[in-house]
Amino acid sequence: MPRFRKPSEEQIREWQPRFWAKLIGLLLIVAYVIAFIIENHRNVHLHFVLFTAKVSQIWLILLSVVIGALAGALLRQLHRRRSGN
């Protein structure tokens, strides 16, 4: 059974600033995401070839990101097959 050693005082002092930096960074990211969603909540008209849809702007942005990621993954797979890697 493994035994865990109690961290030294120096290790605890070294760990605390990194913990708070990571926590603050995480909180800033969460605040940014919330602000991004709030700023992009209004509805916009999305014109397709045969019809028009009214969607929230945030969903349009997220859909574009997903489509771009999928297209990038597919193009990467095609490139791998052509180059033989």
N, C-alpha and C. Protein backbone atom coordinates (compact mmCIF):
# COMPACT_ATOMS: atom_id res chain seq x y z
N MET A 1 0.85 -1.17 0.00
CA MET A 1 0.00 0.00 0.00
C MET A 1 0.90 1.25 0.00
N PRO A 2 0.70 2.16 -0.96
CA PRO A 2 1.57 3.33 -1.02
C PRO A 2 1.30 4.28 0.15
N ARG A 3 2.37 4.83 0.65
CA ARG A 3 2.26 5.82 1.72
C ARG A 3 2.50 7.20 1.14
N PHE A 4 1.67 8.10 1.52
CA PHE A 4 1.80 9.46 1.03
C PHE A 4 2.50 10.31 2.10
N ARG A 5 3.51 11.04 1.61
CA ARG A 5 4.22 11.92 2.53
C ARG A 5 3.50 13.26 2.62
N LYS A 6 3.55 13.82 3.78
CA LYS A 6 2.97 15.14 3.99
C LYS A 6 3.86 16.16 3.27
N PRO A 7 3.25 17.07 2.48
CA PRO A 7 4.07 18.05 1.76
C PRO A 7 4.80 18.97 2.74
N SER A 8 5.99 19.35 2.32
CA SER A 8 6.78 20.24 3.17
C SER A 8 6.19 21.65 3.13
N GLU A 9 6.61 22.47 4.06
CA GLU A 9 6.14 23.85 4.13
C GLU A 9 6.50 24.61 2.85
N GLU A 10 7.68 24.32 2.31
CA GLU A 10 8.12 24.98 1.08
C GLU A 10 7.24 24.59 -0.11
N GLN A 11 6.86 23.32 -0.20
CA GLN A 11 5.98 22.88 -1.27
C GLN A 11 4.61 23.53 -1.17
N ILE A 12 4.12 23.69 0.04
CA ILE A 12 2.82 24.34 0.23
C ILE A 12 2.89 25.80 -0.20
N ARG A 13 3.95 26.50 0.19
CA ARG A 13 4.11 27.91 -0.19
C ARG A 13 4.23 28.06 -1.70
N GLU A 14 4.91 27.11 -2.35
CA GLU A 14 5.08 27.16 -3.80
C GLU A 14 3.77 26.87 -4.52
N TRP A 15 2.96 26.00 -3.95
CA TRP A 15 1.72 25.57 -4.58
C TRP A 15 0.64 26.66 -4.51
N GLN A 16 0.59 27.41 -3.43
CA GLN A 16 -0.48 28.40 -3.23
C GLN A 16 -0.58 29.44 -4.35
N PRO A 17 0.52 30.09 -4.76
CA PRO A 17 0.38 31.09 -5.83
C PRO A 17 -0.10 30.48 -7.15
N ARG A 18 0.36 29.28 -7.48
CA ARG A 18 -0.10 28.63 -8.70
C ARG A 18 -1.59 28.32 -8.62
N PHE A 19 -2.04 27.88 -7.47
CA PHE A 19 -3.46 27.58 -7.28
C PHE A 19 -4.29 28.83 -7.50
N TRP A 20 -3.91 29.93 -6.88
CA TRP A 20 -4.69 31.17 -7.01
C TRP A 20 -4.61 31.71 -8.43
N ALA A 21 -3.48 31.58 -9.10
CA ALA A 21 -3.36 32.03 -10.49
C ALA A 21 -4.28 31.22 -11.39
N LYS A 22 -4.32 29.91 -11.19
CA LYS A 22 -5.21 29.07 -11.99
C LYS A 22 -6.68 29.38 -11.70
N LEU A 23 -7.00 29.59 -10.44
CA LEU A 23 -8.37 29.91 -10.07
C LEU A 23 -8.82 31.24 -10.68
N ILE A 24 -7.97 32.24 -10.60
CA ILE A 24 -8.29 33.56 -11.18
C ILE A 24 -8.42 33.45 -12.69
N GLY A 25 -7.52 32.70 -13.32
CA GLY A 25 -7.60 32.49 -14.76
C GLY A 25 -8.90 31.81 -15.16
N LEU A 26 -9.30 30.80 -14.42
CA LEU A 26 -10.55 30.10 -14.68
C LEU A 26 -11.75 31.02 -14.52
N LEU A 27 -11.75 31.83 -13.47
CA LEU A 27 -12.85 32.77 -13.25
C LEU A 27 -12.93 33.81 -14.37
N LEU A 28 -11.78 34.26 -14.87
CA LEU A 28 -11.76 35.22 -15.98
C LEU A 28 -12.33 34.60 -17.25
N ILE A 29 -11.99 33.35 -17.50
CA ILE A 29 -12.52 32.66 -18.68
C ILE A 29 -14.04 32.51 -18.57
N VAL A 30 -14.52 32.11 -17.40
CA VAL A 30 -15.97 31.96 -17.19
C VAL A 30 -16.67 33.30 -17.36
N ALA A 31 -16.11 34.37 -16.81
CA ALA A 31 -16.70 35.69 -16.96
C ALA A 31 -16.74 36.11 -18.43
N TYR A 32 -15.68 35.81 -19.18
CA TYR A 32 -15.63 36.16 -20.59
C TYR A 32 -16.71 35.39 -21.37
N VAL A 33 -16.86 34.10 -21.09
CA VAL A 33 -17.87 33.29 -21.78
C VAL A 33 -19.27 33.82 -21.48
N ILE A 34 -19.53 34.17 -20.23
CA ILE A 34 -20.84 34.71 -19.86
C ILE A 34 -21.10 36.03 -20.58
N ALA A 35 -20.10 36.92 -20.61
CA ALA A 35 -20.24 38.20 -21.30
C ALA A 35 -20.45 37.98 -22.80
N PHE A 36 -19.74 37.01 -23.38
CA PHE A 36 -19.88 36.69 -24.80
C PHE A 36 -21.30 36.25 -25.12
N ILE A 37 -21.86 35.40 -24.27
CA ILE A 37 -23.23 34.92 -24.48
C ILE A 37 -24.23 36.05 -24.34
N ILE A 38 -24.06 36.88 -23.33
CA ILE A 38 -24.98 38.01 -23.11
C ILE A 38 -24.94 38.99 -24.28
N GLU A 39 -23.74 39.27 -24.78
CA GLU A 39 -23.61 40.22 -25.89
C GLU A 39 -24.18 39.68 -27.20
N ASN A 40 -24.25 38.38 -27.34
CA ASN A 40 -24.68 37.79 -28.60
C ASN A 40 -26.00 37.03 -28.48
N HIS A 41 -26.88 37.51 -27.63
CA HIS A 41 -28.15 36.82 -27.41
C HIS A 41 -29.25 37.23 -28.39
N ARG A 42 -29.12 38.37 -29.03
CA ARG A 42 -30.23 38.87 -29.86
C ARG A 42 -30.44 37.98 -31.09
N ASN A 43 -31.66 38.01 -31.59
CA ASN A 43 -32.03 37.20 -32.75
C ASN A 43 -31.62 37.88 -34.04
N VAL A 44 -31.21 37.06 -34.99
CA VAL A 44 -30.85 37.55 -36.33
C VAL A 44 -31.56 36.68 -37.35
N HIS A 45 -31.75 37.22 -38.53
CA HIS A 45 -32.34 36.45 -39.63
C HIS A 45 -31.21 35.75 -40.37
N LEU A 46 -31.37 34.45 -40.54
CA LEU A 46 -30.39 33.65 -41.26
C LEU A 46 -31.04 33.22 -42.57
N HIS A 47 -30.48 33.69 -43.69
CA HIS A 47 -31.07 33.44 -45.00
C HIS A 47 -30.43 32.22 -45.65
N PHE A 48 -31.26 31.19 -45.86
CA PHE A 48 -30.84 30.03 -46.61
C PHE A 48 -31.33 30.22 -48.05
N VAL A 49 -31.04 29.29 -48.91
CA VAL A 49 -31.44 29.44 -50.30
C VAL A 49 -32.96 29.44 -50.45
N LEU A 50 -33.63 28.52 -49.74
CA LEU A 50 -35.07 28.39 -49.92
C LEU A 50 -35.92 28.98 -48.81
N PHE A 51 -35.31 29.34 -47.71
CA PHE A 51 -36.09 29.88 -46.60
C PHE A 51 -35.21 30.75 -45.71
N THR A 52 -35.86 31.44 -44.79
CA THR A 52 -35.18 32.29 -43.82
C THR A 52 -35.57 31.83 -42.43
N ALA A 53 -34.60 31.78 -41.55
CA ALA A 53 -34.85 31.37 -40.17
C ALA A 53 -34.39 32.49 -39.23
N LYS A 54 -35.07 32.61 -38.11
CA LYS A 54 -34.70 33.59 -37.10
C LYS A 54 -34.07 32.81 -35.94
N VAL A 55 -32.77 33.04 -35.70
CA VAL A 55 -32.05 32.29 -34.67
C VAL A 55 -31.29 33.28 -33.79
N SER A 56 -30.95 32.81 -32.61
CA SER A 56 -30.14 33.61 -31.71
C SER A 56 -28.71 33.68 -32.27
N GLN A 57 -28.12 34.83 -32.17
CA GLN A 57 -26.79 35.05 -32.74
C GLN A 57 -25.74 34.11 -32.13
N ILE A 58 -25.84 33.79 -30.86
CA ILE A 58 -24.87 32.91 -30.23
C ILE A 58 -24.92 31.52 -30.84
N TRP A 59 -26.13 31.04 -31.18
CA TRP A 59 -26.23 29.72 -31.80
C TRP A 59 -25.64 29.73 -33.20
N LEU A 60 -25.79 30.83 -33.90
CA LEU A 60 -25.19 30.96 -35.23
C LEU A 60 -23.66 30.91 -35.13
N ILE A 61 -23.11 31.59 -34.15
CA ILE A 61 -21.65 31.58 -33.95
C ILE A 61 -21.18 30.17 -33.59
N LEU A 62 -21.86 29.52 -32.65
CA LEU A 62 -21.46 28.18 -32.23
C LEU A 62 -21.61 27.17 -33.37
N LEU A 63 -22.67 27.29 -34.16
CA LEU A 63 -22.85 26.40 -35.31
C LEU A 63 -21.71 26.60 -36.31
N SER A 64 -21.31 27.83 -36.54
CA SER A 64 -20.21 28.10 -37.46
C SER A 64 -18.90 27.50 -36.95
N VAL A 65 -18.67 27.57 -35.65
CA VAL A 65 -17.46 26.98 -35.07
C VAL A 65 -17.47 25.47 -35.25
N VAL A 66 -18.60 24.84 -34.99
CA VAL A 66 -18.70 23.38 -35.12
C VAL A 66 -18.50 22.95 -36.58
N ILE A 67 -19.15 23.65 -37.51
CA ILE A 67 -19.00 23.32 -38.93
C ILE A 67 -17.54 23.50 -39.36
N GLY A 68 -16.91 24.56 -38.91
CA GLY A 68 -15.51 24.78 -39.24
C GLY A 68 -14.59 23.70 -38.68
N ALA A 69 -14.85 23.28 -37.44
CA ALA A 69 -14.04 22.22 -36.83
C ALA A 69 -14.22 20.90 -37.57
N LEU A 70 -15.46 20.57 -37.93
CA LEU A 70 -15.71 19.34 -38.68
C LEU A 70 -15.07 19.39 -40.06
N ALA A 71 -15.19 20.51 -40.74
CA ALA A 71 -14.57 20.65 -42.06
C ALA A 71 -13.05 20.52 -41.95
N GLY A 72 -12.46 21.13 -40.93
CA GLY A 72 -11.02 21.02 -40.74
C GLY A 72 -10.59 19.58 -40.48
N ALA A 73 -11.35 18.84 -39.68
CA ALA A 73 -11.02 17.44 -39.40
C ALA A 73 -11.14 16.60 -40.66
N LEU A 74 -12.18 16.83 -41.45
CA LEU A 74 -12.35 16.07 -42.69
C LEU A 74 -11.24 16.38 -43.69
N LEU A 75 -10.88 17.64 -43.82
CA LEU A 75 -9.80 18.01 -44.74
C LEU A 75 -8.46 17.43 -44.28
N ARG A 76 -8.25 17.36 -43.01
CA ARG A 76 -7.03 16.77 -42.46
C ARG A 76 -6.97 15.28 -42.80
N GLN A 77 -8.10 14.58 -42.68
CA GLN A 77 -8.14 13.17 -43.03
C GLN A 77 -7.88 12.97 -44.52
N LEU A 78 -8.45 13.81 -45.36
CA LEU A 78 -8.19 13.72 -46.80
C LEU A 78 -6.72 13.96 -47.11
N HIS A 79 -6.13 14.92 -46.45
CA HIS A 79 -4.72 15.22 -46.67
C HIS A 79 -3.84 14.05 -46.24
N ARG A 80 -4.16 13.40 -45.14
CA ARG A 80 -3.40 12.23 -44.68
C ARG A 80 -3.48 11.10 -45.69
N ARG A 81 -4.67 10.87 -46.24
CA ARG A 81 -4.82 9.78 -47.20
C ARG A 81 -4.06 10.04 -48.47
N ARG A 82 -4.06 11.30 -48.92
CA ARG A 82 -3.35 11.64 -50.17
C ARG A 82 -1.84 11.58 -49.99
N SER A 83 -1.36 12.00 -48.82
CA SER A 83 0.09 12.03 -48.60
C SER A 83 0.63 10.67 -48.12
N GLY A 84 -0.26 9.75 -47.76
CA GLY A 84 0.15 8.42 -47.36
C GLY A 84 0.65 8.31 -45.95
N ASN A 85 0.45 9.31 -45.11
CA ASN A 85 0.90 9.27 -43.70
C ASN A 85 -0.15 8.71 -42.83
